[in-house]
Every structure is written in structure tokens, then in C-alpha cells.
N, C-alpha and C. Protein backbone atom coordinates (compact mmCIF):
# COMPACT_ATOMS: atom_id res chain seq x y z
N MET A 1 -11.77 25.68 1.11
CA MET A 1 -11.03 26.39 0.09
C MET A 1 -9.67 26.83 0.62
N ARG A 2 -9.64 27.32 1.87
CA ARG A 2 -8.37 27.78 2.45
C ARG A 2 -7.37 26.64 2.53
N ASN A 3 -7.82 25.44 2.94
CA ASN A 3 -6.93 24.29 3.03
C ASN A 3 -6.38 23.91 1.66
N GLU A 4 -7.22 24.02 0.63
CA GLU A 4 -6.77 23.71 -0.72
C GLU A 4 -5.70 24.70 -1.17
N ALA A 5 -5.88 25.97 -0.84
CA ALA A 5 -4.90 26.99 -1.20
C ALA A 5 -3.58 26.74 -0.48
N LEU A 6 -3.66 26.40 0.81
CA LEU A 6 -2.46 26.12 1.58
C LEU A 6 -1.76 24.89 1.03
N PHE A 7 -2.55 23.85 0.70
CA PHE A 7 -1.97 22.63 0.13
C PHE A 7 -1.28 22.95 -1.19
N SER A 8 -1.92 23.77 -2.00
CA SER A 8 -1.33 24.15 -3.29
C SER A 8 -0.02 24.89 -3.09
N ARG A 9 0.00 25.82 -2.14
CA ARG A 9 1.23 26.56 -1.85
C ARG A 9 2.31 25.63 -1.34
N THR A 10 1.95 24.74 -0.42
CA THR A 10 2.91 23.79 0.14
C THR A 10 3.47 22.90 -0.96
N LYS A 11 2.61 22.47 -1.85
CA LYS A 11 3.04 21.63 -2.96
C LYS A 11 4.03 22.38 -3.84
N ARG A 12 3.77 23.67 -4.10
CA ARG A 12 4.69 24.47 -4.91
C ARG A 12 6.03 24.63 -4.21
N VAL A 13 6.01 24.81 -2.90
CA VAL A 13 7.26 24.94 -2.15
C VAL A 13 8.05 23.65 -2.24
N ARG A 14 7.39 22.53 -2.04
CA ARG A 14 8.10 21.24 -2.12
C ARG A 14 8.66 21.02 -3.51
N HIS A 15 7.90 21.38 -4.53
CA HIS A 15 8.38 21.24 -5.90
C HIS A 15 9.58 22.14 -6.11
N ALA A 16 9.51 23.35 -5.60
CA ALA A 16 10.62 24.28 -5.74
C ALA A 16 11.86 23.74 -5.03
N GLU A 17 11.67 23.15 -3.86
CA GLU A 17 12.80 22.58 -3.13
C GLU A 17 13.40 21.43 -3.90
N ASP A 18 12.56 20.62 -4.54
CA ASP A 18 13.07 19.52 -5.34
C ASP A 18 13.93 20.03 -6.49
N ASP A 19 13.66 21.22 -6.95
CA ASP A 19 14.42 21.81 -8.05
C ASP A 19 15.57 22.67 -7.53
N ALA A 20 16.00 22.40 -6.32
CA ALA A 20 17.11 23.11 -5.68
C ALA A 20 16.78 24.56 -5.37
N ALA A 21 15.52 24.88 -5.24
CA ALA A 21 15.14 26.25 -4.89
C ALA A 21 15.38 26.53 -3.42
N ALA A 22 15.80 25.53 -2.67
CA ALA A 22 16.09 25.76 -1.26
C ALA A 22 17.19 26.79 -1.10
N SER A 23 17.96 27.01 -2.17
CA SER A 23 19.03 28.01 -2.10
C SER A 23 18.54 29.40 -2.48
N TYR A 24 17.28 29.52 -2.87
CA TYR A 24 16.71 30.83 -3.18
C TYR A 24 16.66 31.67 -1.93
N PRO A 25 16.87 32.96 -2.08
CA PRO A 25 16.62 33.83 -0.92
C PRO A 25 15.13 33.76 -0.55
N ALA A 26 14.83 33.85 0.72
CA ALA A 26 13.45 33.73 1.18
C ALA A 26 12.51 34.70 0.47
N PRO A 27 12.90 35.96 0.27
CA PRO A 27 11.96 36.87 -0.41
C PRO A 27 11.62 36.41 -1.83
N ARG A 28 12.61 35.86 -2.54
CA ARG A 28 12.33 35.37 -3.90
C ARG A 28 11.42 34.16 -3.87
N LEU A 29 11.69 33.23 -2.95
CA LEU A 29 10.84 32.05 -2.82
C LEU A 29 9.43 32.45 -2.40
N ALA A 30 9.33 33.45 -1.52
CA ALA A 30 8.03 33.94 -1.08
C ALA A 30 7.25 34.50 -2.27
N GLU A 31 7.92 35.25 -3.10
CA GLU A 31 7.26 35.83 -4.27
C GLU A 31 6.77 34.75 -5.24
N GLU A 32 7.59 33.72 -5.43
CA GLU A 32 7.24 32.67 -6.38
C GLU A 32 6.16 31.73 -5.87
N THR A 33 6.09 31.54 -4.56
CA THR A 33 5.15 30.58 -4.00
C THR A 33 3.90 31.22 -3.40
N GLY A 34 3.99 32.51 -3.10
CA GLY A 34 2.86 33.17 -2.46
C GLY A 34 2.83 32.98 -0.96
N ILE A 35 3.89 32.41 -0.40
CA ILE A 35 4.01 32.23 1.05
C ILE A 35 4.88 33.36 1.58
N SER A 36 4.47 33.98 2.67
CA SER A 36 5.22 35.14 3.18
C SER A 36 6.64 34.73 3.58
N ASP A 37 7.57 35.67 3.45
CA ASP A 37 8.95 35.39 3.84
C ASP A 37 9.06 35.15 5.34
N VAL A 38 8.19 35.77 6.12
CA VAL A 38 8.17 35.53 7.57
C VAL A 38 7.87 34.06 7.84
N THR A 39 6.90 33.51 7.12
CA THR A 39 6.55 32.09 7.27
C THR A 39 7.72 31.21 6.87
N LEU A 40 8.39 31.54 5.78
CA LEU A 40 9.53 30.75 5.33
C LEU A 40 10.66 30.78 6.35
N TYR A 41 10.93 31.96 6.91
CA TYR A 41 11.97 32.05 7.96
C TYR A 41 11.58 31.23 9.18
N HIS A 42 10.29 31.26 9.53
CA HIS A 42 9.80 30.48 10.67
C HIS A 42 9.98 28.98 10.40
N TRP A 43 9.64 28.55 9.20
CA TRP A 43 9.80 27.13 8.85
C TRP A 43 11.26 26.72 8.90
N ARG A 44 12.14 27.62 8.43
CA ARG A 44 13.57 27.30 8.46
C ARG A 44 14.03 27.14 9.91
N LYS A 45 13.57 28.03 10.77
CA LYS A 45 13.94 27.95 12.18
C LYS A 45 13.43 26.65 12.80
N GLN A 46 12.19 26.28 12.48
CA GLN A 46 11.61 25.03 13.00
C GLN A 46 12.43 23.83 12.52
N ALA A 47 12.81 23.85 11.25
CA ALA A 47 13.59 22.74 10.70
C ALA A 47 14.93 22.60 11.43
N ARG A 48 15.56 23.72 11.72
CA ARG A 48 16.83 23.68 12.45
C ARG A 48 16.65 23.09 13.84
N VAL A 49 15.56 23.46 14.51
CA VAL A 49 15.27 22.92 15.84
C VAL A 49 15.11 21.41 15.77
N GLU A 50 14.55 20.92 14.66
CA GLU A 50 14.34 19.48 14.48
C GLU A 50 15.60 18.76 13.99
N GLY A 51 16.71 19.50 13.83
CA GLY A 51 17.97 18.88 13.44
C GLY A 51 18.18 18.76 11.95
N ILE A 52 17.38 19.45 11.18
CA ILE A 52 17.51 19.42 9.73
C ILE A 52 18.45 20.54 9.31
N ALA A 53 19.40 20.22 8.46
CA ALA A 53 20.36 21.23 8.00
C ALA A 53 19.68 22.17 7.03
N VAL A 54 19.64 23.43 7.38
CA VAL A 54 19.04 24.46 6.54
C VAL A 54 19.96 25.68 6.55
N PRO A 55 21.11 25.55 5.90
CA PRO A 55 22.03 26.68 5.93
C PRO A 55 21.49 27.88 5.19
N ALA A 56 21.72 29.05 5.73
CA ALA A 56 21.25 30.28 5.08
C ALA A 56 22.12 30.62 3.89
N ASP A 57 23.41 30.31 3.97
CA ASP A 57 24.35 30.62 2.88
C ASP A 57 24.81 29.32 2.25
N ARG A 58 24.14 28.92 1.19
CA ARG A 58 24.48 27.65 0.54
C ARG A 58 25.74 27.77 -0.31
N LYS A 59 26.19 28.98 -0.59
CA LYS A 59 27.33 29.17 -1.47
C LYS A 59 28.67 28.88 -0.80
N ASN A 60 28.73 29.04 0.51
CA ASN A 60 29.99 28.85 1.21
C ASN A 60 29.79 27.94 2.43
N PRO A 61 29.82 26.62 2.21
CA PRO A 61 29.56 25.67 3.30
C PRO A 61 30.51 25.79 4.48
N GLU A 62 31.71 26.27 4.26
CA GLU A 62 32.65 26.39 5.37
C GLU A 62 32.22 27.46 6.37
N LYS A 63 31.33 28.35 5.97
CA LYS A 63 30.83 29.39 6.87
C LYS A 63 29.51 28.99 7.53
N TRP A 64 29.03 27.78 7.24
CA TRP A 64 27.78 27.33 7.85
C TRP A 64 27.97 27.17 9.35
N PRO A 65 26.89 27.31 10.10
CA PRO A 65 26.97 27.06 11.54
C PRO A 65 27.32 25.59 11.81
N SER A 66 28.00 25.34 12.90
CA SER A 66 28.37 23.98 13.27
C SER A 66 27.16 23.06 13.35
N GLU A 67 26.02 23.61 13.79
CA GLU A 67 24.81 22.80 13.92
C GLU A 67 24.38 22.24 12.56
N ASP A 68 24.49 23.04 11.50
CA ASP A 68 24.11 22.58 10.17
C ASP A 68 25.07 21.51 9.66
N LYS A 69 26.35 21.73 9.89
CA LYS A 69 27.35 20.73 9.47
C LYS A 69 27.12 19.42 10.20
N PHE A 70 26.87 19.52 11.51
CA PHE A 70 26.64 18.31 12.31
C PHE A 70 25.38 17.59 11.85
N ALA A 71 24.33 18.34 11.52
CA ALA A 71 23.09 17.73 11.04
C ALA A 71 23.34 16.95 9.75
N ILE A 72 24.18 17.48 8.88
CA ILE A 72 24.49 16.79 7.63
C ILE A 72 25.31 15.53 7.91
N VAL A 73 26.25 15.62 8.85
CA VAL A 73 27.03 14.44 9.23
C VAL A 73 26.08 13.35 9.75
N LEU A 74 25.14 13.73 10.61
CA LEU A 74 24.19 12.75 11.14
C LEU A 74 23.29 12.18 10.05
N GLU A 75 22.87 13.05 9.14
CA GLU A 75 21.97 12.66 8.06
C GLU A 75 22.64 11.64 7.13
N THR A 76 23.94 11.78 6.93
CA THR A 76 24.65 10.91 5.99
C THR A 76 25.33 9.72 6.66
N ALA A 77 25.40 9.71 7.97
CA ALA A 77 26.11 8.65 8.69
C ALA A 77 25.65 7.23 8.34
N PRO A 78 24.35 6.98 8.26
CA PRO A 78 23.94 5.60 7.97
C PRO A 78 24.04 5.21 6.49
N LEU A 79 24.41 6.13 5.63
CA LEU A 79 24.43 5.85 4.19
C LEU A 79 25.72 5.16 3.78
N ASN A 80 25.59 4.20 2.86
CA ASN A 80 26.80 3.60 2.30
C ASN A 80 27.40 4.57 1.28
N GLU A 81 28.54 4.22 0.73
CA GLU A 81 29.26 5.14 -0.16
C GLU A 81 28.43 5.56 -1.37
N ALA A 82 27.73 4.61 -1.98
CA ALA A 82 26.92 4.92 -3.17
C ALA A 82 25.76 5.86 -2.82
N ARG A 83 25.09 5.58 -1.72
CA ARG A 83 23.97 6.45 -1.31
C ARG A 83 24.45 7.83 -0.88
N ARG A 84 25.63 7.87 -0.25
CA ARG A 84 26.19 9.15 0.15
C ARG A 84 26.55 9.98 -1.09
N ALA A 85 27.08 9.32 -2.11
CA ALA A 85 27.39 10.03 -3.36
C ALA A 85 26.12 10.55 -4.02
N GLU A 86 25.06 9.76 -3.98
CA GLU A 86 23.76 10.19 -4.52
C GLU A 86 23.22 11.39 -3.73
N TYR A 87 23.33 11.31 -2.41
CA TYR A 87 22.91 12.42 -1.54
C TYR A 87 23.66 13.69 -1.92
N CYS A 88 24.97 13.57 -2.07
CA CYS A 88 25.79 14.74 -2.41
C CYS A 88 25.39 15.33 -3.75
N ARG A 89 25.13 14.50 -4.74
CA ARG A 89 24.70 15.01 -6.05
C ARG A 89 23.38 15.75 -5.93
N GLN A 90 22.44 15.18 -5.18
CA GLN A 90 21.13 15.79 -5.05
C GLN A 90 21.18 17.11 -4.27
N LYS A 91 22.03 17.15 -3.26
CA LYS A 91 22.08 18.33 -2.38
C LYS A 91 23.15 19.33 -2.78
N GLY A 92 23.96 19.00 -3.78
CA GLY A 92 25.01 19.91 -4.20
C GLY A 92 26.14 20.02 -3.19
N ARG A 93 26.46 18.91 -2.56
CA ARG A 93 27.54 18.90 -1.57
C ARG A 93 28.65 17.98 -2.05
N TYR A 94 29.78 18.02 -1.36
CA TYR A 94 30.91 17.17 -1.71
C TYR A 94 31.15 16.16 -0.60
N ALA A 95 31.35 14.90 -1.00
CA ALA A 95 31.59 13.84 -0.03
C ALA A 95 32.82 14.14 0.83
N GLU A 96 33.84 14.72 0.22
CA GLU A 96 35.06 15.04 0.95
C GLU A 96 34.80 16.05 2.06
N GLN A 97 33.92 17.00 1.77
CA GLN A 97 33.57 18.01 2.76
C GLN A 97 32.86 17.38 3.95
N ILE A 98 31.90 16.53 3.65
CA ILE A 98 31.14 15.86 4.72
C ILE A 98 32.08 14.97 5.54
N GLU A 99 33.01 14.30 4.87
CA GLU A 99 33.97 13.46 5.58
C GLU A 99 34.85 14.30 6.50
N ALA A 100 35.26 15.47 6.05
CA ALA A 100 36.06 16.36 6.90
C ALA A 100 35.26 16.82 8.11
N TRP A 101 33.98 17.12 7.90
CA TRP A 101 33.13 17.53 9.02
C TRP A 101 32.96 16.38 10.01
N ARG A 102 32.82 15.14 9.49
CA ARG A 102 32.67 13.97 10.35
C ARG A 102 33.92 13.80 11.22
N LYS A 103 35.09 13.95 10.59
CA LYS A 103 36.34 13.82 11.34
C LYS A 103 36.46 14.92 12.40
N ALA A 104 36.04 16.12 12.06
CA ALA A 104 36.06 17.21 13.04
C ALA A 104 35.16 16.89 14.22
N CYS A 105 34.03 16.27 13.95
CA CYS A 105 33.12 15.87 15.05
C CYS A 105 33.78 14.83 15.93
N GLU A 106 34.48 13.88 15.32
CA GLU A 106 35.17 12.85 16.10
C GLU A 106 36.26 13.46 16.97
N ILE A 107 37.02 14.39 16.41
CA ILE A 107 38.08 15.05 17.16
C ILE A 107 37.49 15.81 18.35
N LEU A 108 36.38 16.49 18.10
CA LEU A 108 35.71 17.23 19.17
C LEU A 108 35.23 16.28 20.26
N GLU A 109 34.68 15.14 19.85
CA GLU A 109 34.20 14.17 20.83
C GLU A 109 35.36 13.67 21.70
N ILE A 110 36.48 13.38 21.07
CA ILE A 110 37.64 12.90 21.80
C ILE A 110 38.15 13.96 22.77
N SER A 111 38.19 15.21 22.32
CA SER A 111 38.69 16.28 23.20
C SER A 111 37.71 16.54 24.36
N VAL A 112 36.44 16.30 24.15
CA VAL A 112 35.46 16.50 25.23
C VAL A 112 35.60 15.38 26.27
N ARG A 113 35.93 14.19 25.82
CA ARG A 113 36.06 13.05 26.74
C ARG A 113 37.29 13.18 27.64
N THR A 114 38.35 13.80 27.15
CA THR A 114 39.59 13.86 27.94
C THR A 114 39.66 15.09 28.81
């Protein structure tokens, strides 16, 4: 029974994320899913360790940590223009922003090499 309850909660979280609920504050998402906010914060931290972009402030991408921006650059690097545009629509991001972050990464790489 416990596994079924956990599966049900996990399914609700994934459904919520599909509906762009990833931008919900953790306490609100916790209330809607029945998963503690401590668990949600822990999952977010684990995702960041695994290189997944999980910005805390989705409203202002320019204030995101460099690690999150870099993760998005890596995530979109293998995508062609059409898939990148689809990614941006789904994630609520702008292709121009990601391109600027990619260029910043290249500049940083060049400055590190010299």
C-alpha cells in the first residue's frame, strides 16, 4: 500500500511538472501533491547534482546560477533548430537567451585556455 501511495504521489508530481508546475513554490507543490517541501527541496538538490537545470527563480533567468544556465546549454546542444524551438516552447525559455549563454560558455572556455 505504501508503494502505491508513493507511486500515486510521484505520478501527481510528474503530471504537475508537465503542466509547468515546476515553477510552483515548493510549499504550494507540497500542498497539492502531499509530498513534503523538504522532500521536494532534496529532489531539487539531487537534480542539480545530476546536471539537471532546476532554477529556483523561473521568473528571472538572468539571475539563475551559472550551473543552471550551463546545464540548459548542455541539454540543448545536440538539438537542431526545430527541436530547440520546441524545447523552448515547452520549458518557457527563449532560444536567443540560450544562444547567449552558449556564447558566454565559449568565451569562458577560451579565456580559461589562454
